[in-house]
Amino acid sequence: MPKYFIELSYDGLNYHGWQRQPKEISIQEVIEECLTKLHSNKKIEVVGCGRTDSGVHANHFILHTYIPEVKNTSEFIFKLNCMLPDTIAISNMYPVKDEVHARFNATYRTYRYFINQQKDPFKRGNSWYLQNKLDIDKMNHAAKLLIGEQDFTSFSKINTDVKTNICKVKTAKWNQLENHSFYFEIIANRFLRNMVRAIVGTLVEVGINKKNPEEVKNILNAKDRKYASASAPAKGLFLWKIEYPEDIKV
């Protein structure tokens, strides 16, 4: 069977992350069940480009799967979207080379974290409502210290199964959206578990003058999670974009 990449987005607020869980509902489980029903209950499995945590959203997520050849992609996407809940939406699909992997062939990943400083009931599930006044200039000064190829152990969940904690960050910057809202954008070749939320939590402490911007360098050098701040809430985090080499398509 041919291998396909499927592009999707989802509101992760009421899911226990991307990856299947024994007793909890996940994005992966919902999609696999719908694809299986769409193929006369022949079991279909999918592999994601990453494993977002419980409550984290995705603006652009890629999965790969083996399914029978799709003659009409628009019709297939329409049928699949009709089966999926309102919190998950398929936007595109295309065949890829058999050796291509949704996770391991991704070259760069972009995350955005949203902070809202004015109470807004329509943003309560997709941003961190933070009343403290933030010094964005100081936060951006600290964020620049994250750029480059470095060991991010201090910003990683303890006891993960990865072989290395080295990540190459090419962008780390706070941007203002409106008078009362900001987002942090970070682009890297890979991310460790809980890394972005730990970074945001630390940069917010810089922004409210609990930490000096230069402390970020000391935290990185310590290679110990206890030196970074508490993680920011999951609901403000979005996997924003996944990038691949141009030659992956069939």
C-alpha atoms as a PDB file:
ATOM      1  CA  MET A   1       0.000   0.000   0.000  1.00  0.00           C
ATOM      2  CA  PRO A   2       1.173   3.553  -0.644  1.00  0.00           C
ATOM      3  CA  LYS A   3       2.328   5.779   2.198  1.00  0.00           C
ATOM      4  CA  TYR A   4       0.585   9.123   2.733  1.00  0.00           C
ATOM      5  CA  PHE A   5       1.285  12.258   4.697  1.00  0.00           C
ATOM      6  CA  ILE A   6      -1.882  13.738   6.196  1.00  0.00           C
ATOM      7  CA  GLU A   7      -1.906  17.348   7.420  1.00  0.00           C
ATOM      8  CA  LEU A   8      -4.201  18.289  10.278  1.00  0.00           C
ATOM      9  CA  SER A   9      -4.862  20.695  13.125  1.00  0.00           C
ATOM     10  CA  TYR A  10      -6.477  20.095  16.483  1.00  0.00           C
ATOM     11  CA  ASP A  11      -7.680  21.652  19.704  1.00  0.00           C
ATOM     12  CA  GLY A  12      -5.931  19.542  22.326  1.00  0.00           C
ATOM     13  CA  LEU A  13      -7.672  20.949  25.392  1.00  0.00           C
ATOM     14  CA  ASN A  14      -9.771  17.866  26.137  1.00  0.00           C
ATOM     15  CA  TYR A  15      -7.306  15.233  24.915  1.00  0.00           C
ATOM     16  CA  HIS A  16      -4.501  13.489  26.754  1.00  0.00           C
ATOM     17  CA  GLY A  17      -1.944  14.384  24.116  1.00  0.00           C
ATOM     18  CA  TRP A  18      -1.249  12.977  20.671  1.00  0.00           C
ATOM     19  CA  GLN A  19      -0.069   9.485  21.589  1.00  0.00           C
ATOM     20  CA  ARG A  20      -2.396   6.605  22.432  1.00  0.00           C
ATOM     21  CA  GLN A  21      -2.957   6.108  26.170  1.00  0.00           C
ATOM     22  CA  PRO A  22      -4.237   2.925  27.877  1.00  0.00           C
ATOM     23  CA  LYS A  23      -7.213   4.559  29.608  1.00  0.00           C
ATOM     24  CA  GLU A  24      -7.373   8.105  28.237  1.00  0.00           C
ATOM     25  CA  ILE A  25      -8.580   9.603  24.947  1.00  0.00           C
ATOM     26  CA  SER A  26      -5.864  10.800  22.550  1.00  0.00           C
ATOM     27  CA  ILE A  27      -5.744  12.451  19.120  1.00  0.00           C
ATOM     28  CA  GLN A  28      -4.001   9.418  17.617  1.00  0.00           C
ATOM     29  CA  GLU A  29      -6.681   7.030  18.860  1.00  0.00           C
ATOM     30  CA  VAL A  30      -9.535   9.127  17.447  1.00  0.00           C
ATOM     31  CA  ILE A  31      -7.906   9.407  14.011  1.00  0.00           C
ATOM     32  CA  GLU A  32      -6.992   5.715  13.835  1.00  0.00           C
ATOM     33  CA  GLU A  33     -10.546   4.697  14.729  1.00  0.00           C
ATOM     34  CA  CYS A  34     -12.019   6.959  12.027  1.00  0.00           C
ATOM     35  CA  LEU A  35      -9.560   5.757   9.372  1.00  0.00           C
ATOM     36  CA  THR A  36     -10.302   2.145  10.328  1.00  0.00           C
ATOM     37  CA  LYS A  37     -14.063   2.702   9.939  1.00  0.00           C
ATOM     38  CA  LEU A  38     -13.460   4.435   6.623  1.00  0.00           C
ATOM     39  CA  HIS A  39     -11.676   1.294   5.381  1.00  0.00           C
ATOM     40  CA  SER A  40     -14.353  -1.266   6.314  1.00  0.00           C
ATOM     41  CA  ASN A  41     -12.879  -1.839   9.788  1.00  0.00           C
ATOM     42  CA  LYS A  42      -9.477  -2.932   8.485  1.00  0.00           C
ATOM     43  CA  LYS A  43      -7.075  -1.696  11.142  1.00  0.00           C
ATOM     44  CA  ILE A  44      -5.220   1.474  10.139  1.00  0.00           C
ATOM     45  CA  GLU A  45      -2.340   2.825  12.220  1.00  0.00           C
ATOM     46  CA  VAL A  46      -0.766   6.274  12.024  1.00  0.00           C
ATOM     47  CA  VAL A  47       2.574   7.767  13.106  1.00  0.00           C
ATOM     48  CA  GLY A  48       2.773  11.412  14.137  1.00  0.00           C
ATOM     49  CA  CYS A  49       5.468  14.023  13.565  1.00  0.00           C
ATOM     50  CA  GLY A  50       5.747  14.436  17.330  1.00  0.00           C
ATOM     51  CA  ARG A  51       4.024  13.721  20.612  1.00  0.00           C
ATOM     52  CA  THR A  52       2.252  16.785  21.958  1.00  0.00           C
ATOM     53  CA  ASP A  53       1.406  16.622  25.658  1.00  0.00           C
ATOM     54  CA  SER A  54      -2.018  16.663  27.259  1.00  0.00           C
ATOM     55  CA  GLY A  55      -3.847  19.924  26.547  1.00  0.00           C
ATOM     56  CA  VAL A  56      -1.421  21.143  23.856  1.00  0.00           C
ATOM     57  CA  HIS A  57      -2.819  22.242  20.469  1.00  0.00           C
ATOM     58  CA  ALA A  58      -1.565  21.898  16.894  1.00  0.00           C
ATOM     59  CA  ASN A  59      -1.981  24.421  14.105  1.00  0.00           C
ATOM     60  CA  HIS A  60      -0.042  22.200  11.683  1.00  0.00           C
ATOM     61  CA  PHE A  61       0.574  18.526  12.425  1.00  0.00           C
ATOM     62  CA  ILE A  62       1.721  15.782  10.052  1.00  0.00           C
ATOM     63  CA  LEU A  63       1.122  12.056  10.308  1.00  0.00           C
ATOM     64  CA  HIS A  64       2.069   9.228   8.002  1.00  0.00           C
ATOM     65  CA  THR A  65       0.046   6.126   7.318  1.00  0.00           C
ATOM     66  CA  TYR A  66      -0.293   3.254   4.862  1.00  0.00           C
ATOM     67  CA  ILE A  67      -3.728   3.145   3.232  1.00  0.00           C
ATOM     68  CA  PRO A  68      -5.122   1.916  -0.107  1.00  0.00           C
ATOM     69  CA  GLU A  69      -4.551   4.327  -2.974  1.00  0.00           C
ATOM     70  CA  VAL A  70      -6.779   7.392  -2.726  1.00  0.00           C
ATOM     71  CA  LYS A  71      -8.186   8.334  -6.145  1.00  0.00           C
ATOM     72  CA  ASN A  72      -9.970  11.499  -5.032  1.00  0.00           C
ATOM     73  CA  THR A  73      -8.197  13.252  -2.151  1.00  0.00           C
ATOM     74  CA  SER A  74     -10.832  15.986  -1.756  1.00  0.00           C
ATOM     75  CA  GLU A  75     -13.584  13.414  -1.325  1.00  0.00           C
ATOM     76  CA  PHE A  76     -11.464  11.357   1.080  1.00  0.00           C
ATOM     77  CA  ILE A  77     -10.662  14.396   3.232  1.00  0.00           C
ATOM     78  CA  PHE A  78     -14.335  15.407   3.251  1.00  0.00           C
ATOM     79  CA  LYS A  79     -15.446  11.945   4.414  1.00  0.00           C
ATOM     80  CA  LEU A  80     -12.768  11.764   7.095  1.00  0.00           C
ATOM     81  CA  ASN A  81     -13.614  15.236   8.400  1.00  0.00           C
ATOM     82  CA  CYS A  82     -17.290  14.262   8.613  1.00  0.00           C
ATOM     83  CA  MET A  83     -16.330  11.382  10.900  1.00  0.00           C
ATOM     84  CA  LEU A  84     -13.901  13.317  13.079  1.00  0.00           C
ATOM     85  CA  PRO A  85     -15.039  15.519  15.993  1.00  0.00           C
ATOM     86  CA  ASP A  86     -15.061  19.305  15.610  1.00  0.00           C
ATOM     87  CA  THR A  87     -11.785  19.498  17.530  1.00  0.00           C
ATOM     88  CA  ILE A  88      -9.777  17.753  14.766  1.00  0.00           C
ATOM     89  CA  ALA A  89      -9.586  18.898  11.134  1.00  0.00           C
ATOM     90  CA  ILE A  90      -7.802  17.368   8.124  1.00  0.00           C
ATOM     91  CA  SER A  91      -6.561  19.952   5.608  1.00  0.00           C
ATOM     92  CA  ASN A  92      -4.424  18.054   3.088  1.00  0.00           C
ATOM     93  CA  MET A  93      -2.915  14.708   2.134  1.00  0.00           C
ATOM     94  CA  TYR A  94      -0.411  13.458  -0.431  1.00  0.00           C
ATOM     95  CA  PRO A  95       1.648  10.339  -1.205  1.00  0.00           C
ATOM     96  CA  VAL A  96       5.268  10.269  -0.022  1.00  0.00           C
ATOM     97  CA  LYS A  97       8.249   8.011  -0.618  1.00  0.00           C
ATOM     98  CA  ASP A  98       8.174   4.803   1.382  1.00  0.00           C
ATOM     99  CA  GLU A  99      11.329   5.609   3.354  1.00  0.00           C
ATOM    100  CA  VAL A 100       9.998   8.977   4.559  1.00  0.00           C
ATOM    101  CA  HIS A 101       9.030   9.212   8.243  1.00  0.00           C
ATOM    102  CA  ALA A 102       6.740  11.927   9.639  1.00  0.00           C
ATOM    103  CA  ARG A 103       8.844  12.339  12.770  1.00  0.00           C
ATOM    104  CA  PHE A 104      12.419  11.534  11.793  1.00  0.00           C
ATOM    105  CA  ASN A 105      12.477  13.346   8.438  1.00  0.00           C
ATOM    106  CA  ALA A 106      11.193  16.663   9.792  1.00  0.00           C
ATOM    107  CA  THR A 107      13.930  19.296   9.488  1.00  0.00           C
ATOM    108  CA  TYR A 108      12.481  22.071  11.645  1.00  0.00           C
ATOM    109  CA  ARG A 109       9.563  22.468  14.010  1.00  0.00           C
ATOM    110  CA  THR A 110       7.934  25.727  15.055  1.00  0.00           C
ATOM    111  CA  TYR A 111       6.087  26.191  18.337  1.00  0.00           C
ATOM    112  CA  ARG A 112       4.143  29.240  19.454  1.00  0.00           C
ATOM    113  CA  TYR A 113       3.049  30.009  22.989  1.00  0.00           C
ATOM    114  CA  PHE A 114       0.256  32.562  23.516  1.00  0.00           C
ATOM    115  CA  ILE A 115      -0.147  34.836  26.533  1.00  0.00           C
ATOM    116  CA  ASN A 116      -3.195  37.036  27.066  1.00  0.00           C
ATOM    117  CA  GLN A 117      -3.126  39.864  29.613  1.00  0.00           C
ATOM    118  CA  GLN A 118      -6.755  40.875  29.416  1.00  0.00           C
ATOM    119  CA  LYS A 119      -9.491  38.555  30.643  1.00  0.00           C
ATOM    120  CA  ASP A 120     -11.187  37.065  27.591  1.00  0.00           C
ATOM    121  CA  PRO A 121     -13.606  34.108  27.812  1.00  0.00           C
ATOM    122  CA  PHE A 122     -12.935  33.208  24.166  1.00  0.00           C
ATOM    123  CA  LYS A 123      -9.199  32.749  24.768  1.00  0.00           C
ATOM    124  CA  ARG A 124      -9.373  30.819  28.018  1.00  0.00           C
ATOM    125  CA  GLY A 125      -8.664  27.466  26.343  1.00  0.00           C
ATOM    126  CA  ASN A 126      -5.856  28.544  24.019  1.00  0.00           C
ATOM    127  CA  SER A 127      -3.743  31.059  25.932  1.00  0.00           C
ATOM    128  CA  TRP A 128      -2.279  31.723  29.364  1.00  0.00           C
ATOM    129  CA  TYR A 129      -4.138  34.547  31.111  1.00  0.00           C
ATOM    130  CA  LEU A 130      -1.386  36.377  32.962  1.00  0.00           C
ATOM    131  CA  GLN A 131      -2.085  39.627  34.807  1.00  0.00           C
ATOM    132  CA  ASN A 132       1.523  40.531  35.676  1.00  0.00           C
ATOM    133  CA  LYS A 133       3.072  43.332  33.625  1.00  0.00           C
ATOM    134  CA  LEU A 134       5.734  41.824  31.347  1.00  0.00           C
ATOM    135  CA  ASP A 135       8.985  43.413  30.207  1.00  0.00           C
ATOM    136  CA  ILE A 136       9.111  42.016  26.661  1.00  0.00           C
ATOM    137  CA  ASP A 137      12.519  43.584  25.945  1.00  0.00           C
ATOM    138  CA  LYS A 138      14.082  41.690  28.842  1.00  0.00           C
ATOM    139  CA  MET A 139      12.313  38.498  27.783  1.00  0.00           C
ATOM    140  CA  ASN A 140      13.682  38.836  24.251  1.00  0.00           C
ATOM    141  CA  HIS A 141      17.174  39.505  25.595  1.00  0.00           C
ATOM    142  CA  ALA A 142      16.949  36.244  27.530  1.00  0.00           C
ATOM    143  CA  ALA A 143      15.401  34.399  24.564  1.00  0.00           C
ATOM    144  CA  LYS A 144      18.399  35.255  22.351  1.00  0.00           C
ATOM    145  CA  LEU A 145      20.603  33.232  24.696  1.00  0.00           C
ATOM    146  CA  LEU A 146      18.676  30.101  23.654  1.00  0.00           C
ATOM    147  CA  ILE A 147      19.704  30.402  20.003  1.00  0.00           C
ATOM    148  CA  GLY A 148      22.296  27.954  18.694  1.00  0.00           C
ATOM    149  CA  GLU A 149      23.154  24.290  19.248  1.00  0.00           C
ATOM    150  CA  GLN A 150      23.035  23.677  22.991  1.00  0.00           C
ATOM    151  CA  ASP A 151      22.188  21.154  25.697  1.00  0.00           C
ATOM    152  CA  PHE A 152      18.627  21.805  26.915  1.00  0.00           C
ATOM    153  CA  THR A 153      18.610  19.306  29.798  1.00  0.00           C
ATOM    154  CA  SER A 154      17.593  22.088  32.216  1.00  0.00           C
ATOM    155  CA  PHE A 155      14.433  22.657  30.181  1.00  0.00           C
ATOM    156  CA  SER A 156      13.517  18.998  29.744  1.00  0.00           C
ATOM    157  CA  LYS A 157      11.290  16.651  31.669  1.00  0.00           C
ATOM    158  CA  ILE A 158      13.398  14.319  33.817  1.00  0.00           C
ATOM    159  CA  ASN A 159      13.858  10.644  32.852  1.00  0.00           C
ATOM    160  CA  THR A 160      12.835  10.792  29.188  1.00  0.00           C
ATOM    161  CA  ASP A 161      13.988   8.107  26.746  1.00  0.00           C
ATOM    162  CA  VAL A 162      15.926  10.362  24.331  1.00  0.00           C
ATOM    163  CA  LYS A 163      19.586   9.674  23.503  1.00  0.00           C
ATOM    164  CA  THR A 164      20.671  13.327  23.503  1.00  0.00           C
ATOM    165  CA  ASN A 165      19.406  16.625  24.883  1.00  0.00           C
ATOM    166  CA  ILE A 166      21.201  18.707  22.252  1.00  0.00           C
ATOM    167  CA  CYS A 167      18.854  20.896  20.177  1.00  0.00           C
ATOM    168  CA  LYS A 168      19.612  23.483  17.504  1.00  0.00           C
ATOM    169  CA  VAL A 169      17.430  26.569  18.008  1.00  0.00           C
ATOM    170  CA  LYS A 170      17.384  29.037  15.108  1.00  0.00           C
ATOM    171  CA  THR A 171      14.627  31.412  16.306  1.00  0.00           C
ATOM    172  CA  ALA A 172      13.424  32.381  19.793  1.00  0.00           C
ATOM    173  CA  LYS A 173      11.437  35.606  20.026  1.00  0.00           C
ATOM    174  CA  TRP A 174       8.456  37.257  21.715  1.00  0.00           C
ATOM    175  CA  ASN A 175       6.020  39.074  19.421  1.00  0.00           C
ATOM    176  CA  GLN A 176       3.127  41.398  20.261  1.00  0.00           C
ATOM    177  CA  LEU A 177      -0.246  40.576  18.691  1.00  0.00           C
ATOM    178  CA  GLU A 178      -2.520  43.212  20.219  1.00  0.00           C
ATOM    179  CA  ASN A 179      -2.317  45.602  23.164  1.00  0.00           C
ATOM    180  CA  HIS A 180      -2.869  42.802  25.644  1.00  0.00           C
ATOM    181  CA  SER A 181      -1.558  39.657  23.950  1.00  0.00           C
ATOM    182  CA  PHE A 182       1.821  38.209  22.970  1.00  0.00           C
ATOM    183  CA  TYR A 183       3.225  35.022  21.565  1.00  0.00           C
ATOM    184  CA  PHE A 184       6.605  33.377  21.862  1.00  0.00           C
ATOM    185  CA  GLU A 185       7.889  31.690  18.706  1.00  0.00           C
ATOM    186  CA  ILE A 186      10.677  29.145  18.832  1.00  0.00           C
ATOM    187  CA  ILE A 187      12.027  27.182  15.855  1.00  0.00           C
ATOM    188  CA  ALA A 188      14.414  24.248  16.268  1.00  0.00           C
ATOM    189  CA  ASN A 189      15.442  21.009  14.616  1.00  0.00           C
ATOM    190  CA  ARG A 190      14.035  19.048  17.573  1.00  0.00           C
ATOM    191  CA  PHE A 191      12.443  19.603  20.963  1.00  0.00           C
ATOM    192  CA  LEU A 192      12.634  17.745  24.251  1.00  0.00           C
ATOM    193  CA  ARG A 193       9.581  16.807  26.257  1.00  0.00           C
ATOM    194  CA  ASN A 194       8.120  19.826  28.084  1.00  0.00           C
ATOM    195  CA  MET A 195      10.951  22.011  26.709  1.00  0.00           C
ATOM    196  CA  VAL A 196       8.906  24.904  25.326  1.00  0.00           C
ATOM    197  CA  ARG A 197       6.683  25.215  28.384  1.00  0.00           C
ATOM    198  CA  ALA A 198       9.717  25.179  30.702  1.00  0.00           C
ATOM    199  CA  ILE A 199      11.373  27.875  28.585  1.00  0.00           C
ATOM    200  CA  VAL A 200       8.226  30.033  28.585  1.00  0.00           C
ATOM    201  CA  GLY A 201       7.839  29.674  32.354  1.00  0.00           C
ATOM    202  CA  THR A 202      11.447  30.808  32.802  1.00  0.00           C
ATOM    203  CA  LEU A 203      11.173  33.732  30.374  1.00  0.00           C
ATOM    204  CA  VAL A 204       8.002  34.942  32.093  1.00  0.00           C
ATOM    205  CA  GLU A 205       9.940  35.089  35.375  1.00  0.00           C
ATOM    206  CA  VAL A 206      12.474  37.265  33.552  1.00  0.00           C
ATOM    207  CA  GLY A 207       9.601  39.436  32.315  1.00  0.00           C
ATOM    208  CA  ILE A 208       8.239  40.028  35.823  1.00  0.00           C
ATOM    209  CA  ASN A 209      11.750  40.714  37.186  1.00  0.00           C
ATOM    210  CA  LYS A 210      12.054  37.526  39.225  1.00  0.00           C
ATOM    211  CA  LYS A 211      15.059  36.494  37.145  1.00  0.00           C
ATOM    212  CA  ASN A 212      17.824  38.366  35.364  1.00  0.00           C
ATOM    213  CA  PRO A 213      17.988  37.742  31.576  1.00  0.00           C
ATOM    214  CA  GLU A 214      21.585  36.512  31.890  1.00  0.00           C
ATOM    215  CA  GLU A 215      20.462  33.752  34.265  1.00  0.00           C
ATOM    216  CA  VAL A 216      19.179  31.806  31.253  1.00  0.00           C
ATOM    217  CA  LYS A 217      22.785  31.029  30.294  1.00  0.00           C
ATOM    218  CA  ASN A 218      23.513  29.766  33.807  1.00  0.00           C
ATOM    219  CA  ILE A 219      20.386  27.607  33.702  1.00  0.00           C
ATOM    220  CA  LEU A 220      21.480  26.050  30.396  1.00  0.00           C
ATOM    221  CA  ASN A 221      24.980  25.380  31.734  1.00  0.00           C
ATOM    222  CA  ALA A 222      23.619  23.749  34.907  1.00  0.00           C
ATOM    223  CA  LYS A 223      22.013  20.901  32.899  1.00  0.00           C
ATOM    224  CA  ASP A 224      19.552  20.362  35.740  1.00  0.00           C
ATOM    225  CA  ARG A 225      15.766  20.862  35.535  1.00  0.00           C
ATOM    226  CA  LYS A 226      15.538  22.274  39.066  1.00  0.00           C
ATOM    227  CA  TYR A 227      17.276  25.497  37.980  1.00  0.00           C
ATOM    228  CA  ALA A 228      14.603  26.450  35.421  1.00  0.00           C
ATOM    229  CA  SER A 229      11.178  27.790  36.395  1.00  0.00           C
ATOM    230  CA  ALA A 230       7.885  25.920  36.591  1.00  0.00           C
ATOM    231  CA  SER A 231       6.372  25.041  33.224  1.00  0.00           C
ATOM    232  CA  ALA A 232       3.794  27.336  31.657  1.00  0.00           C
ATOM    233  CA  PRO A 233       0.255  25.868  31.338  1.00  0.00           C
ATOM    234  CA  ALA A 234      -0.261  23.493  28.395  1.00  0.00           C
ATOM    235  CA  LYS A 235      -3.272  25.327  26.962  1.00  0.00           C
ATOM    236  CA  GLY A 236      -1.207  28.235  25.583  1.00  0.00           C
ATOM    237  CA  LEU A 237       1.082  26.028  23.488  1.00  0.00           C
ATOM    238  CA  PHE A 238       0.654  25.280  19.776  1.00  0.00           C
ATOM    239  CA  LEU A 239       2.744  23.130  17.479  1.00  0.00           C
ATOM    240  CA  TRP A 240       2.652  25.720  14.724  1.00  0.00           C
ATOM    241  CA  LYS A 241       4.512  24.333  11.723  1.00  0.00           C
ATOM    242  CA  ILE A 242       6.506  21.298  10.562  1.00  0.00           C
ATOM    243  CA  GLU A 243       9.091  21.515   7.779  1.00  0.00           C
ATOM    244  CA  TYR A 244      10.438  18.734   5.536  1.00  0.00           C
ATOM    245  CA  PRO A 245      12.883  18.418   2.637  1.00  0.00           C
ATOM    246  CA  GLU A 246      11.314  19.169  -0.749  1.00  0.00           C
ATOM    247  CA  ASP A 247      12.027  15.716  -2.203  1.00  0.00           C
ATOM    248  CA  ILE A 248       9.763  13.644   0.086  1.00  0.00           C
ATOM    249  CA  LYS A 249       6.787  13.436  -2.278  1.00  0.00           C
ATOM    250  CA  VAL A 250       6.279  10.666  -4.814  1.00  0.00           C
END
